[in-house]
Every structure is written in C-alpha cells, then in structure tokens.
Amino acid sequence: MVKDALAIEQVLALNPRELWRVVNELDVSMCGYIPTTAMLIAARNLGASRARLMKHATSGDINHDYGHVVGYASIIIS
C-alpha cells in the first residue's frame, strides 16, 4: 500500500511527470500508468485543477489475503 500511496499522491497532485518518475524509479507495478499519465496531461490542458480520492482499497480487503494484493483507487479529476 505504500507504493500505491506514492502513485496516488502524484495523481492527486495532477503531476504526470512525477507519476511517471515514481512508477519507474520505485518499481511500482501500476497497471495503466501510461494512460493515467496521458489523462493527467490532457486533464491539465483542459483546465483541471483538482483531484479527489474517492476510495482506495485492495483485494486483501475482500479476501483477507494480504500476501499478494492488487490495489484499486477511484479518483475524480475536475
């Protein structure tokens, strides 16, 4: 969850360059970070100025197996 939080922090900051850096340098296994980076660039170009985390959870929250988890985040960009 620490690596999730580092990536989520950059999305919430609307910072595509830092998201890219965090994912690559810290070896975050984030699915869709290239489209997320592109979305952040487009959103900022279209005037987005804030992001709000709606929910962050992992598969372990459902099956209680925290040995291998997949994280999920829902974020609203406006």
PDB file of N, CA and C in Angstrom:
ATOM      1  N   MET A   1       0.809  -1.188   0.000  1.00  0.00           N
ATOM      2  CA  MET A   1       0.000   0.000   0.000  1.00  0.00           C
ATOM      3  C   MET A   1       0.863   1.267   0.000  1.00  0.00           C
ATOM      4  N   VAL A   2       2.108   1.149   0.414  1.00  0.00           N
ATOM      5  CA  VAL A   2       2.993   2.311   0.417  1.00  0.00           C
ATOM      6  C   VAL A   2       3.246   2.776  -1.013  1.00  0.00           C
ATOM      7  N   LYS A   3       3.524   1.840  -1.906  1.00  0.00           N
ATOM      8  CA  LYS A   3       3.768   2.213  -3.298  1.00  0.00           C
ATOM      9  C   LYS A   3       2.497   2.758  -3.939  1.00  0.00           C
ATOM     10  N   ASP A   4       1.341   2.162  -3.606  1.00  0.00           N
ATOM     11  CA  ASP A   4       0.067   2.704  -4.091  1.00  0.00           C
ATOM     12  C   ASP A   4      -0.058   4.164  -3.688  1.00  0.00           C
ATOM     13  N   ALA A   5       0.209   4.438  -2.426  1.00  0.00           N
ATOM     14  CA  ALA A   5       0.051   5.798  -1.902  1.00  0.00           C
ATOM     15  C   ALA A   5       0.967   6.786  -2.623  1.00  0.00           C
ATOM     16  N   LEU A   6       2.173   6.362  -2.952  1.00  0.00           N
ATOM     17  CA  LEU A   6       3.095   7.252  -3.659  1.00  0.00           C
ATOM     18  C   LEU A   6       2.583   7.600  -5.049  1.00  0.00           C
ATOM     19  N   ALA A   7       2.026   6.619  -5.750  1.00  0.00           N
ATOM     20  CA  ALA A   7       1.461   6.875  -7.080  1.00  0.00           C
ATOM     21  C   ALA A   7       0.190   7.715  -6.969  1.00  0.00           C
ATOM     22  N   ILE A   8      -0.679   7.364  -6.046  1.00  0.00           N
ATOM     23  CA  ILE A   8      -1.930   8.107  -5.858  1.00  0.00           C
ATOM     24  C   ILE A   8      -1.639   9.566  -5.525  1.00  0.00           C
ATOM     25  N   GLU A   9      -0.625   9.798  -4.713  1.00  0.00           N
ATOM     26  CA  GLU A   9      -0.243  11.164  -4.342  1.00  0.00           C
ATOM     27  C   GLU A   9       0.052  12.012  -5.573  1.00  0.00           C
ATOM     28  N   GLN A  10       0.712  11.428  -6.562  1.00  0.00           N
ATOM     29  CA  GLN A  10       1.051  12.177  -7.775  1.00  0.00           C
ATOM     30  C   GLN A  10      -0.177  12.420  -8.660  1.00  0.00           C
ATOM     31  N   VAL A  11      -1.082  11.456  -8.689  1.00  0.00           N
ATOM     32  CA  VAL A  11      -2.330  11.665  -9.443  1.00  0.00           C
ATOM     33  C   VAL A  11      -3.125  12.781  -8.783  1.00  0.00           C
ATOM     34  N   LEU A  12      -3.210  12.757  -7.454  1.00  0.00           N
ATOM     35  CA  LEU A  12      -3.949  13.802  -6.739  1.00  0.00           C
ATOM     36  C   LEU A  12      -3.308  15.176  -6.926  1.00  0.00           C
ATOM     37  N   ALA A  13      -2.007  15.196  -7.130  1.00  0.00           N
ATOM     38  CA  ALA A  13      -1.302  16.457  -7.374  1.00  0.00           C
ATOM     39  C   ALA A  13      -1.383  16.876  -8.841  1.00  0.00           C
ATOM     40  N   LEU A  14      -2.040  16.062  -9.662  1.00  0.00           N
ATOM     41  CA  LEU A  14      -2.143  16.300 -11.105  1.00  0.00           C
ATOM     42  C   LEU A  14      -0.744  16.463 -11.710  1.00  0.00           C
ATOM     43  N   ASN A  15       0.159  15.584 -11.313  1.00  0.00           N
ATOM     44  CA  ASN A  15       1.553  15.708 -11.697  1.00  0.00           C
ATOM     45  C   ASN A  15       2.004  14.493 -12.528  1.00  0.00           C
ATOM     46  N   PRO A  16       1.782  14.542 -13.844  1.00  0.00           N
ATOM     47  CA  PRO A  16       2.115  13.394 -14.689  1.00  0.00           C
ATOM     48  C   PRO A  16       3.598  13.051 -14.704  1.00  0.00           C
ATOM     49  N   ARG A  17       4.447  14.050 -14.677  1.00  0.00           N
ATOM     50  CA  ARG A  17       5.896  13.802 -14.715  1.00  0.00           C
ATOM     51  C   ARG A  17       6.359  13.043 -13.472  1.00  0.00           C
ATOM     52  N   GLU A  18       5.857  13.444 -12.307  1.00  0.00           N
ATOM     53  CA  GLU A  18       6.242  12.769 -11.070  1.00  0.00           C
ATOM     54  C   GLU A  18       5.606  11.384 -10.968  1.00  0.00           C
ATOM     55  N   LEU A  19       4.395  11.221 -11.489  1.00  0.00           N
ATOM     56  CA  LEU A  19       3.787   9.891 -11.517  1.00  0.00           C
ATOM     57  C   LEU A  19       4.685   8.956 -12.307  1.00  0.00           C
ATOM     58  N   TRP A  20       5.100   9.387 -13.479  1.00  0.00           N
ATOM     59  CA  TRP A  20       5.979   8.583 -14.334  1.00  0.00           C
ATOM     60  C   TRP A  20       7.266   8.225 -13.587  1.00  0.00           C
ATOM     61  N   ARG A  21       7.871   9.228 -12.930  1.00  0.00           N
ATOM     62  CA  ARG A  21       9.119   9.007 -12.207  1.00  0.00           C
ATOM     63  C   ARG A  21       8.932   8.015 -11.053  1.00  0.00           C
ATOM     64  N   VAL A  22       7.896   8.229 -10.249  1.00  0.00           N
ATOM     65  CA  VAL A  22       7.634   7.357  -9.099  1.00  0.00           C
ATOM     66  C   VAL A  22       7.434   5.916  -9.551  1.00  0.00           C
ATOM     67  N   VAL A  23       6.618   5.712 -10.566  1.00  0.00           N
ATOM     68  CA  VAL A  23       6.343   4.357 -11.046  1.00  0.00           C
ATOM     69  C   VAL A  23       7.624   3.688 -11.537  1.00  0.00           C
ATOM     70  N   ASN A  24       8.430   4.403 -12.285  1.00  0.00           N
ATOM     71  CA  ASN A  24       9.644   3.818 -12.849  1.00  0.00           C
ATOM     72  C   ASN A  24      10.766   3.660 -11.825  1.00  0.00           C
ATOM     73  N   GLU A  25      11.045   4.683 -11.059  1.00  0.00           N
ATOM     74  CA  GLU A  25      12.173   4.619 -10.136  1.00  0.00           C
ATOM     75  C   GLU A  25      11.910   3.741  -8.919  1.00  0.00           C
ATOM     76  N   LEU A  26      10.655   3.675  -8.476  1.00  0.00           N
ATOM     77  CA  LEU A  26      10.334   2.887  -7.283  1.00  0.00           C
ATOM     78  C   LEU A  26       9.728   1.537  -7.628  1.00  0.00           C
ATOM     79  N   ASP A  27       9.719   1.207  -8.925  1.00  0.00           N
ATOM     80  CA  ASP A  27       9.221  -0.089  -9.395  1.00  0.00           C
ATOM     81  C   ASP A  27       7.797  -0.376  -8.904  1.00  0.00           C
ATOM     82  N   VAL A  28       6.920   0.620  -9.076  1.00  0.00           N
ATOM     83  CA  VAL A  28       5.517   0.458  -8.716  1.00  0.00           C
ATOM     84  C   VAL A  28       4.841  -0.334  -9.828  1.00  0.00           C
ATOM     85  N   SER A  29       4.172  -1.415  -9.490  1.00  0.00           N
ATOM     86  CA  SER A  29       3.515  -2.243 -10.513  1.00  0.00           C
ATOM     87  C   SER A  29       2.090  -1.740 -10.737  1.00  0.00           C
ATOM     88  N   MET A  30       2.005  -0.555 -11.306  1.00  0.00           N
ATOM     89  CA  MET A  30       0.710   0.088 -11.552  1.00  0.00           C
ATOM     90  C   MET A  30       0.241  -0.218 -12.970  1.00  0.00           C
ATOM     91  N   CYS A  31      -0.885  -0.901 -13.074  1.00  0.00           N
ATOM     92  CA  CYS A  31      -1.480  -1.136 -14.392  1.00  0.00           C
ATOM     93  C   CYS A  31      -2.041   0.188 -14.901  1.00  0.00           C
ATOM     94  N   GLY A  32      -1.797   0.501 -16.144  1.00  0.00           N
ATOM     95  CA  GLY A  32      -2.385   1.682 -16.746  1.00  0.00           C
ATOM     96  C   GLY A  32      -1.701   2.987 -16.401  1.00  0.00           C
ATOM     97  N   TYR A  33      -0.431   2.948 -16.000  1.00  0.00           N
ATOM     98  CA  TYR A  33       0.188   4.232 -15.658  1.00  0.00           C
ATOM     99  C   TYR A  33       0.467   5.083 -16.889  1.00  0.00           C
ATOM    100  N   ILE A  34       0.648   4.471 -18.051  1.00  0.00           N
ATOM    101  CA  ILE A  34       0.844   5.278 -19.265  1.00  0.00           C
ATOM    102  C   ILE A  34      -0.452   6.008 -19.629  1.00  0.00           C
ATOM    103  N   PRO A  35      -1.620   5.313 -19.677  1.00  0.00           N
ATOM    104  CA  PRO A  35      -2.857   6.052 -19.924  1.00  0.00           C
ATOM    105  C   PRO A  35      -3.185   7.058 -18.815  1.00  0.00           C
ATOM    106  N   THR A  36      -2.827   6.735 -17.583  1.00  0.00           N
ATOM    107  CA  THR A  36      -3.083   7.677 -16.487  1.00  0.00           C
ATOM    108  C   THR A  36      -2.235   8.928 -16.656  1.00  0.00           C
ATOM    109  N   THR A  37      -0.993   8.752 -17.060  1.00  0.00           N
ATOM    110  CA  THR A  37      -0.120   9.894 -17.323  1.00  0.00           C
ATOM    111  C   THR A  37      -0.692  10.746 -18.457  1.00  0.00           C
ATOM    112  N   ALA A  38      -1.130  10.102 -19.538  1.00  0.00           N
ATOM    113  CA  ALA A  38      -1.727  10.828 -20.672  1.00  0.00           C
ATOM    114  C   ALA A  38      -2.994  11.555 -20.235  1.00  0.00           C
ATOM    115  N   MET A  39      -3.809  10.895 -19.405  1.00  0.00           N
ATOM    116  CA  MET A  39      -5.033  11.522 -18.913  1.00  0.00           C
ATOM    117  C   MET A  39      -4.715  12.758 -18.094  1.00  0.00           C
ATOM    118  N   LEU A  40      -3.684  12.690 -17.242  1.00  0.00           N
ATOM    119  CA  LEU A  40      -3.318  13.846 -16.431  1.00  0.00           C
ATOM    120  C   LEU A  40      -2.857  15.015 -17.296  1.00  0.00           C
ATOM    121  N   ILE A  41      -2.095  14.720 -18.328  1.00  0.00           N
ATOM    122  CA  ILE A  41      -1.654  15.778 -19.247  1.00  0.00           C
ATOM    123  C   ILE A  41      -2.864  16.407 -19.932  1.00  0.00           C
ATOM    124  N   ALA A  42      -3.765  15.579 -20.448  1.00  0.00           N
ATOM    125  CA  ALA A  42      -4.960  16.090 -21.128  1.00  0.00           C
ATOM    126  C   ALA A  42      -5.850  16.864 -20.167  1.00  0.00           C
ATOM    127  N   ALA A  43      -6.051  16.333 -18.973  1.00  0.00           N
ATOM    128  CA  ALA A  43      -6.920  16.996 -17.997  1.00  0.00           C
ATOM    129  C   ALA A  43      -6.379  18.377 -17.631  1.00  0.00           C
ATOM    130  N   ARG A  44      -5.087  18.463 -17.417  1.00  0.00           N
ATOM    131  CA  ARG A  44      -4.483  19.765 -17.100  1.00  0.00           C
ATOM    132  C   ARG A  44      -4.615  20.730 -18.276  1.00  0.00           C
ATOM    133  N   ASN A  45      -4.400  20.231 -19.499  1.00  0.00           N
ATOM    134  CA  ASN A  45      -4.555  21.084 -20.689  1.00  0.00           C
ATOM    135  C   ASN A  45      -5.987  21.558 -20.863  1.00  0.00           C
ATOM    136  N   LEU A  46      -6.933  20.776 -20.367  1.00  0.00           N
ATOM    137  CA  LEU A  46      -8.347  21.147 -20.461  1.00  0.00           C
ATOM    138  C   LEU A  46      -8.822  21.967 -19.268  1.00  0.00           C
ATOM    139  N   GLY A  47      -7.901  22.274 -18.348  1.00  0.00           N
ATOM    140  CA  GLY A  47      -8.243  23.158 -17.240  1.00  0.00           C
ATOM    141  C   GLY A  47      -8.484  22.493 -15.898  1.00  0.00           C
ATOM    142  N   ALA A  48      -8.253  21.210 -15.779  1.00  0.00           N
ATOM    143  CA  ALA A  48      -8.444  20.548 -14.491  1.00  0.00           C
ATOM    144  C   ALA A  48      -7.517  21.169 -13.458  1.00  0.00           C
ATOM    145  N   SER A  49      -8.036  21.329 -12.255  1.00  0.00           N
ATOM    146  CA  SER A  49      -7.232  21.961 -11.216  1.00  0.00           C
ATOM    147  C   SER A  49      -7.278  21.216  -9.889  1.00  0.00           C
ATOM    148  N   ARG A  50      -8.066  20.162  -9.812  1.00  0.00           N
ATOM    149  CA  ARG A  50      -8.118  19.418  -8.561  1.00  0.00           C
ATOM    150  C   ARG A  50      -8.455  17.960  -8.806  1.00  0.00           C
ATOM    151  N   ALA A  51      -8.063  17.168  -7.840  1.00  0.00           N
ATOM    152  CA  ALA A  51      -8.363  15.734  -7.866  1.00  0.00           C
ATOM    153  C   ALA A  51      -8.756  15.322  -6.457  1.00  0.00           C
ATOM    154  N   ARG A  52      -9.694  14.401  -6.383  1.00  0.00           N
ATOM    155  CA  ARG A  52     -10.193  13.956  -5.076  1.00  0.00           C
ATOM    156  C   ARG A  52     -10.246  12.441  -5.047  1.00  0.00           C
ATOM    157  N   LEU A  53      -9.627  11.857  -4.053  1.00  0.00           N
ATOM    158  CA  LEU A  53      -9.642  10.413  -3.877  1.00  0.00           C
ATOM    159  C   LEU A  53     -10.986  10.008  -3.284  1.00  0.00           C
ATOM    160  N   MET A  54     -11.685   9.156  -3.991  1.00  0.00           N
ATOM    161  CA  MET A  54     -12.976   8.685  -3.502  1.00  0.00           C
ATOM    162  C   MET A  54     -12.808   7.418  -2.657  1.00  0.00           C
ATOM    163  N   LYS A  55     -11.947   6.507  -3.117  1.00  0.00           N
ATOM    164  CA  LYS A  55     -11.760   5.240  -2.402  1.00  0.00           C
ATOM    165  C   LYS A  55     -10.452   4.607  -2.827  1.00  0.00           C
ATOM    166  N   HIS A  56      -9.745   4.058  -1.879  1.00  0.00           N
ATOM    167  CA  HIS A  56      -8.555   3.256  -2.157  1.00  0.00           C
ATOM    168  C   HIS A  56      -8.695   1.980  -1.340  1.00  0.00           C
ATOM    169  N   ALA A  57      -8.596   0.843  -1.994  1.00  0.00           N
ATOM    170  CA  ALA A  57      -8.740  -0.446  -1.324  1.00  0.00           C
ATOM    171  C   ALA A  57      -7.873  -1.464  -2.040  1.00  0.00           C
ATOM    172  N   THR A  58      -7.750  -2.637  -1.456  1.00  0.00           N
ATOM    173  CA  THR A  58      -7.010  -3.720  -2.087  1.00  0.00           C
ATOM    174  C   THR A  58      -7.850  -4.983  -2.107  1.00  0.00           C
ATOM    175  N   SER A  59      -7.413  -5.914  -2.916  1.00  0.00           N
ATOM    176  CA  SER A  59      -8.098  -7.205  -2.967  1.00  0.00           C
ATOM    177  C   SER A  59      -8.057  -7.887  -1.599  1.00  0.00           C
ATOM    178  N   GLY A  60      -7.022  -7.603  -0.808  1.00  0.00           N
ATOM    179  CA  GLY A  60      -6.933  -8.170   0.528  1.00  0.00           C
ATOM    180  C   GLY A  60      -8.053  -7.713   1.447  1.00  0.00           C
ATOM    181  N   ASP A  61      -8.613  -6.544   1.174  1.00  0.00           N
ATOM    182  CA  ASP A  61      -9.737  -6.064   1.973  1.00  0.00           C
ATOM    183  C   ASP A  61     -10.962  -6.957   1.802  1.00  0.00           C
ATOM    184  N   ILE A  62     -11.015  -7.693   0.688  1.00  0.00           N
ATOM    185  CA  ILE A  62     -12.138  -8.581   0.422  1.00  0.00           C
ATOM    186  C   ILE A  62     -11.839 -10.019   0.847  1.00  0.00           C
ATOM    187  N   ASN A  63     -10.666 -10.529   0.424  1.00  0.00           N
ATOM    188  CA  ASN A  63     -10.381 -11.945   0.699  1.00  0.00           C
ATOM    189  C   ASN A  63      -9.466 -12.152   1.910  1.00  0.00           C
ATOM    190  N   HIS A  64      -9.022 -11.096   2.535  1.00  0.00           N
ATOM    191  CA  HIS A  64      -8.186 -11.119   3.738  1.00  0.00           C
ATOM    192  C   HIS A  64      -6.836 -11.804   3.540  1.00  0.00           C
ATOM    193  N   ASP A  65      -6.417 -11.950   2.297  1.00  0.00           N
ATOM    194  CA  ASP A  65      -5.083 -12.467   1.975  1.00  0.00           C
ATOM    195  C   ASP A  65      -4.233 -11.268   1.599  1.00  0.00           C
ATOM    196  N   TYR A  66      -3.420 -10.809   2.518  1.00  0.00           N
ATOM    197  CA  TYR A  66      -2.600  -9.629   2.271  1.00  0.00           C
ATOM    198  C   TYR A  66      -1.204  -9.984   1.771  1.00  0.00           C
ATOM    199  N   GLY A  67      -0.969 -11.265   1.479  1.00  0.00           N
ATOM    200  CA  GLY A  67       0.315 -11.700   0.962  1.00  0.00           C
ATOM    201  C   GLY A  67       0.575 -11.205  -0.445  1.00  0.00           C
ATOM    202  N   HIS A  68      -0.439 -11.227  -1.261  1.00  0.00           N
ATOM    203  CA  HIS A  68      -0.371 -10.750  -2.647  1.00  0.00           C
ATOM    204  C   HIS A  68      -1.651  -9.988  -2.916  1.00  0.00           C
ATOM    205  N   VAL A  69      -1.542  -8.685  -3.055  1.00  0.00           N
ATOM    206  CA  VAL A  69      -2.746  -7.872  -3.239  1.00  0.00           C
ATOM    207  C   VAL A  69      -2.670  -7.044  -4.512  1.00  0.00           C
ATOM    208  N   VAL A  70      -3.833  -6.656  -4.973  1.00  0.00           N
ATOM    209  CA  VAL A  70      -3.977  -5.714  -6.068  1.00  0.00           C
ATOM    210  C   VAL A  70      -4.698  -4.507  -5.490  1.00  0.00           C
ATOM    211  N   GLY A  71      -4.152  -3.323  -5.735  1.00  0.00           N
ATOM    212  CA  GLY A  71      -4.771  -2.111  -5.229  1.00  0.00           C
ATOM    213  C   GLY A  71      -5.661  -1.465  -6.271  1.00  0.00           C
ATOM    214  N   TYR A  72      -6.664  -0.781  -5.799  1.00  0.00           N
ATOM    215  CA  TYR A  72      -7.616  -0.073  -6.660  1.00  0.00           C
ATOM    216  C   TYR A  72      -7.842   1.312  -6.083  1.00  0.00           C
ATOM    217  N   ALA A  73      -7.922   2.312  -6.940  1.00  0.00           N
ATOM    218  CA  ALA A  73      -8.213   3.668  -6.493  1.00  0.00           C
ATOM    219  C   ALA A  73      -9.231   4.300  -7.420  1.00  0.00           C
ATOM    220  N   SER A  74     -10.137   5.037  -6.824  1.00  0.00           N
ATOM    221  CA  SER A  74     -11.121   5.810  -7.579  1.00  0.00           C
ATOM    222  C   SER A  74     -10.861   7.287  -7.292  1.00  0.00           C
ATOM    223  N   ILE A  75     -10.568   8.027  -8.358  1.00  0.00           N
ATOM    224  CA  ILE A  75     -10.197   9.431  -8.206  1.00  0.00           C
ATOM    225  C   ILE A  75     -11.016  10.274  -9.185  1.00  0.00           C
ATOM    226  N   ILE A  76     -11.578  11.361  -8.696  1.00  0.00           N
ATOM    227  CA  ILE A  76     -12.308  12.294  -9.552  1.00  0.00           C
ATOM    228  C   ILE A  76     -11.390  13.462  -9.881  1.00  0.00           C
ATOM    229  N   ILE A  77     -11.244  13.755 -11.174  1.00  0.00           N
ATOM    230  CA  ILE A  77     -10.441  14.872 -11.634  1.00  0.00           C
ATOM    231  C   ILE A  77     -11.397  15.944 -12.141  1.00  0.00           C
ATOM    232  N   SER A  78     -11.231  17.165 -11.683  1.00  0.00           N
ATOM    233  CA  SER A  78     -12.120  18.245 -12.152  1.00  0.00           C
ATOM    234  C   SER A  78     -11.359  19.543 -12.308  1.00  0.00           C
TER     235      SER A  78
END
